[in-house]
Amino acid sequence: MDFFLITSFTKDISRFDLIGILIGHFIFGIALTQLLDWNWLKNLMSEEDKTRMLRSYTWKDLLVDGAIVTVVLGIIFLIISIFL
C-alpha cells in the first residue's frame, strides 16, 4: 500500500522541486558541518593507536570502504530515479 503513496507523490513533484530539495539538503549538510564543534574527534585515539591502525590498513579494507560508498551512492541514485 505504501508503494501507491510513493507513486502518487512522484506525480505531484517536478524536477525543479527535486533539484531544489537536493540542493537544500546539500547546503544544510555543509552548514551543519561548519557549525558543529569537531574538536572532540582529536581525543578519541592516542597517537600510537592512530599510527598502528593506519599501518594495519590493507587493500581489503579499502575494497570494503569502496563497496560501502558504492552501495550508498546506488541507493541515492535509486531514490532520485524514482522521482524523475
Protein backbone atom coordinates (compact mmCIF):
# COMPACT_ATOMS: atom_id res chain seq x y z
CA MET A 1 0.00 0.00 0.00
CA ASP A 2 2.90 2.36 0.71
CA PHE A 3 4.11 1.92 -2.86
CA PHE A 4 0.96 3.61 -4.16
CA LEU A 5 1.63 6.59 -1.90
CA ILE A 6 5.12 6.93 -3.37
CA THR A 7 3.89 6.70 -6.97
CA SER A 8 1.17 9.29 -6.39
CA PHE A 9 3.70 11.57 -4.70
CA THR A 10 6.09 11.27 -7.65
CA LYS A 11 3.38 12.51 -10.00
CA ASP A 12 2.98 15.70 -7.96
CA ILE A 13 6.67 16.60 -7.71
CA SER A 14 8.56 18.15 -10.60
CA ARG A 15 12.24 18.01 -11.49
CA PHE A 16 12.62 21.58 -10.33
CA ASP A 17 11.25 20.61 -6.91
CA LEU A 18 13.55 17.60 -6.68
CA ILE A 19 16.62 19.62 -7.61
CA GLY A 20 15.66 22.24 -5.03
CA ILE A 21 15.25 19.59 -2.34
CA LEU A 22 18.62 18.01 -3.15
CA ILE A 23 20.45 21.36 -3.22
CA GLY A 24 18.75 22.39 0.03
CA HIS A 25 19.86 19.20 1.76
CA PHE A 26 23.40 19.67 0.44
CA ILE A 27 23.58 23.27 1.70
CA PHE A 28 22.12 22.23 5.07
CA GLY A 29 24.72 19.46 5.39
CA ILE A 30 27.58 21.85 4.67
CA ALA A 31 26.22 24.46 7.09
CA LEU A 32 25.68 21.91 9.85
CA THR A 33 29.20 20.57 9.37
CA GLN A 34 30.61 24.08 9.73
CA LEU A 35 28.50 24.90 12.79
CA LEU A 36 29.29 21.77 14.82
CA ASP A 37 32.39 21.58 17.01
CA TRP A 38 34.58 18.72 15.77
CA ASN A 39 37.47 19.20 18.24
CA TRP A 40 36.43 16.16 20.27
CA LEU A 41 37.47 13.89 17.38
CA LYS A 42 41.15 14.54 18.09
CA ASN A 43 40.86 13.00 21.55
CA LEU A 44 39.25 9.70 20.52
CA MET A 45 42.52 7.82 19.97
CA SER A 46 46.09 8.25 21.11
CA GLU A 47 48.81 8.91 18.53
CA GLU A 48 50.19 5.38 18.93
CA ASP A 49 46.77 3.87 18.25
CA LYS A 50 46.34 6.07 15.17
CA THR A 51 49.67 5.05 13.67
CA ARG A 52 49.07 1.37 14.49
CA MET A 53 45.64 1.49 12.86
CA LEU A 54 46.96 3.22 9.73
CA ARG A 55 49.79 0.69 9.38
CA SER A 56 47.36 -2.23 9.59
CA TYR A 57 45.05 -0.75 6.93
CA THR A 58 45.21 -3.06 3.89
CA TRP A 59 43.81 -3.15 0.37
CA LYS A 60 40.96 -5.34 1.64
CA ASP A 61 39.84 -2.56 3.99
CA LEU A 62 39.99 -0.14 1.09
CA LEU A 63 37.89 -2.51 -1.00
CA VAL A 64 35.24 -2.77 1.73
CA ASP A 65 35.16 1.01 2.15
CA GLY A 66 34.74 1.42 -1.60
CA ALA A 67 31.90 -1.10 -1.61
CA ILE A 68 30.10 0.75 1.17
CA VAL A 69 30.41 4.06 -0.70
CA THR A 70 29.16 2.37 -3.89
CA VAL A 71 26.09 0.95 -2.15
CA VAL A 72 25.24 4.31 -0.56
CA LEU A 73 25.59 6.11 -3.90
CA GLY A 74 23.47 3.42 -5.57
CA ILE A 75 20.69 3.93 -3.03
CA ILE A 76 20.82 7.70 -3.53
CA PHE A 77 20.61 7.32 -7.31
CA LEU A 78 17.76 4.83 -6.94
CA ILE A 79 15.79 7.32 -4.86
CA ILE A 80 16.48 10.07 -7.38
CA SER A 81 15.41 7.85 -10.28
CA ILE A 82 12.07 7.12 -8.59
CA PHE A 83 11.25 10.83 -8.60
CA LEU A 84 12.44 11.64 -12.13
